[in-house]
Amino acid sequence: QVQLVESGGGLVQAGGSLRLSCAASGRIFSPEAMGWYRQAPGNQRELVTIITSGGSTKYADSVKGRFTISRDNAKNTVYLQMNSLKPEDTAVYYCNAVVSLKSYWGQGTQVTVSS
């Protein structure tokens, strides 16, 4: 069983920054990939960014240049630094980890960006 615990969400003004963290625990060695997805009201869950165990990254076009994902493999923790936040970034952000080809999700953390 893999547990993902997220932290760092909150309310911020447009142009501000937030940092999300997600720690994976349980019977794992090292997730093949970890990442962040988000879901705004009325929308489908969408990929924000992912990072593989080797450090390769992928970003949604809407966040390129503003968001940065990083990973501490020793701690099985992934971070999402979000800068220049926009109201359209408002959503519940979910951490995801792929372990032994299985996908696990965190409980989600709310990010609200006011204009």
Protein backbone atom coordinates (compact mmCIF):
# COMPACT_ATOMS: atom_id res chain seq x y z
CA GLN A 1 0.00 0.00 0.00
CA VAL A 2 1.24 3.45 -0.94
CA GLN A 3 0.15 6.62 0.81
CA LEU A 4 0.60 10.11 -0.57
CA VAL A 5 0.38 13.08 1.76
CA GLU A 6 0.13 16.53 0.22
CA SER A 7 0.68 19.89 1.83
CA GLY A 8 1.13 23.52 0.88
CA GLY A 9 -2.12 24.58 -0.73
CA GLY A 10 -3.94 27.76 0.17
CA LEU A 11 -5.16 31.16 -0.94
CA VAL A 12 -2.86 33.53 -2.78
CA GLN A 13 -3.26 36.68 -4.85
CA ALA A 14 -2.61 36.66 -8.57
CA GLY A 15 1.10 36.95 -9.25
CA GLY A 16 1.98 35.22 -6.02
CA SER A 17 3.67 31.92 -5.31
CA LEU A 18 2.93 28.67 -3.53
CA ARG A 19 4.91 25.50 -2.99
CA LEU A 20 3.22 22.12 -2.80
CA SER A 21 4.80 19.03 -1.31
CA CYS A 22 3.87 15.37 -1.61
CA ALA A 23 5.48 12.64 0.41
CA ALA A 24 5.05 9.01 -0.57
CA SER A 25 5.22 6.31 2.07
CA GLY A 26 4.44 2.66 2.39
CA ARG A 27 5.90 -0.46 0.89
CA ILE A 28 7.76 1.21 -1.94
CA PHE A 29 11.33 1.46 -3.09
CA SER A 30 11.15 4.31 -5.56
CA PRO A 31 8.22 5.50 -7.63
CA GLU A 32 8.85 5.33 -11.38
CA ALA A 33 7.20 8.72 -11.71
CA MET A 34 5.56 11.31 -9.51
CA GLY A 35 3.55 14.28 -10.54
CA TRP A 36 0.74 16.71 -10.07
CA TYR A 37 -2.69 16.90 -11.63
CA ARG A 38 -5.41 19.44 -11.02
CA GLN A 39 -9.15 19.62 -11.29
CA ALA A 40 -11.18 22.80 -11.38
CA PRO A 41 -14.95 22.77 -10.77
CA GLY A 42 -16.77 21.47 -13.82
CA ASN A 43 -13.55 20.38 -15.50
CA GLN A 44 -11.80 17.07 -15.93
CA ARG A 45 -8.65 16.29 -14.02
CA GLU A 46 -5.66 17.39 -16.07
CA LEU A 47 -1.95 16.83 -15.97
CA VAL A 48 0.11 19.70 -14.60
CA THR A 49 3.55 18.14 -14.52
CA ILE A 50 5.37 14.88 -13.93
CA ILE A 51 8.93 13.86 -13.12
CA THR A 52 10.44 10.42 -13.58
CA SER A 53 12.87 8.67 -11.28
CA GLY A 54 15.59 9.67 -13.72
CA GLY A 55 14.66 13.33 -13.52
CA SER A 56 12.89 13.78 -16.85
CA THR A 57 10.05 16.27 -16.67
CA LYS A 58 6.94 17.16 -18.61
CA TYR A 59 4.76 20.24 -18.17
CA ALA A 60 1.37 21.31 -19.39
CA ASP A 61 1.70 24.23 -21.81
CA SER A 62 -0.36 26.41 -19.49
CA VAL A 63 2.22 26.22 -16.69
CA LYS A 64 5.51 26.15 -18.59
CA GLY A 65 7.87 28.80 -17.35
CA ARG A 66 5.85 29.36 -14.17
CA PHE A 67 5.79 26.01 -12.39
CA THR A 68 8.75 23.83 -11.50
CA ILE A 69 8.65 20.25 -10.29
CA SER A 70 11.46 18.74 -8.29
CA ARG A 71 12.00 15.48 -6.51
CA ASP A 72 13.95 14.15 -3.55
CA ASN A 73 14.37 10.46 -4.32
CA ALA A 74 15.82 9.69 -0.91
CA LYS A 75 12.65 11.01 0.73
CA ASN A 76 10.22 9.88 -1.99
CA THR A 77 8.96 13.43 -2.00
CA VAL A 78 7.99 15.65 -4.90
CA TYR A 79 7.62 19.41 -4.82
CA LEU A 80 5.76 21.84 -7.04
CA GLN A 81 6.94 25.42 -7.01
CA MET A 82 4.23 27.61 -8.50
CA ASN A 83 5.13 31.18 -9.42
CA SER A 84 3.22 33.94 -11.21
CA LEU A 85 -0.03 32.30 -10.24
CA LYS A 86 -3.16 33.18 -12.18
CA PRO A 87 -6.83 32.89 -11.23
CA GLU A 88 -7.16 30.13 -13.81
CA ASP A 89 -4.71 28.05 -11.76
CA THR A 90 -7.41 27.72 -9.11
CA ALA A 91 -8.15 24.02 -8.63
CA VAL A 92 -7.70 21.06 -6.37
CA TYR A 93 -4.20 19.76 -6.94
CA TYR A 94 -3.62 16.03 -6.66
CA CYS A 95 -0.33 14.27 -6.21
CA ASN A 96 0.18 11.10 -8.24
CA ALA A 97 2.77 8.36 -7.98
CA VAL A 98 3.38 5.39 -10.24
CA VAL A 99 4.81 2.47 -8.28
CA SER A 100 5.34 -0.91 -9.93
CA LEU A 101 3.11 0.30 -12.79
CA LYS A 102 0.24 1.08 -10.39
CA SER A 103 -1.09 4.60 -10.00
CA TYR A 104 -1.75 6.12 -6.58
CA TRP A 105 -3.39 9.42 -5.67
CA GLY A 106 -3.24 11.83 -2.80
CA GLN A 107 -6.31 13.34 -1.22
CA GLY A 108 -5.88 16.67 -2.98
CA THR A 109 -5.06 20.15 -1.78
CA GLN A 110 -6.96 23.29 -2.70
CA VAL A 111 -5.17 26.13 -4.45
CA THR A 112 -7.14 29.34 -4.84
CA VAL A 113 -5.78 32.33 -6.71
CA SER A 114 -7.66 35.58 -6.26
CA SER A 115 -7.65 38.31 -8.87
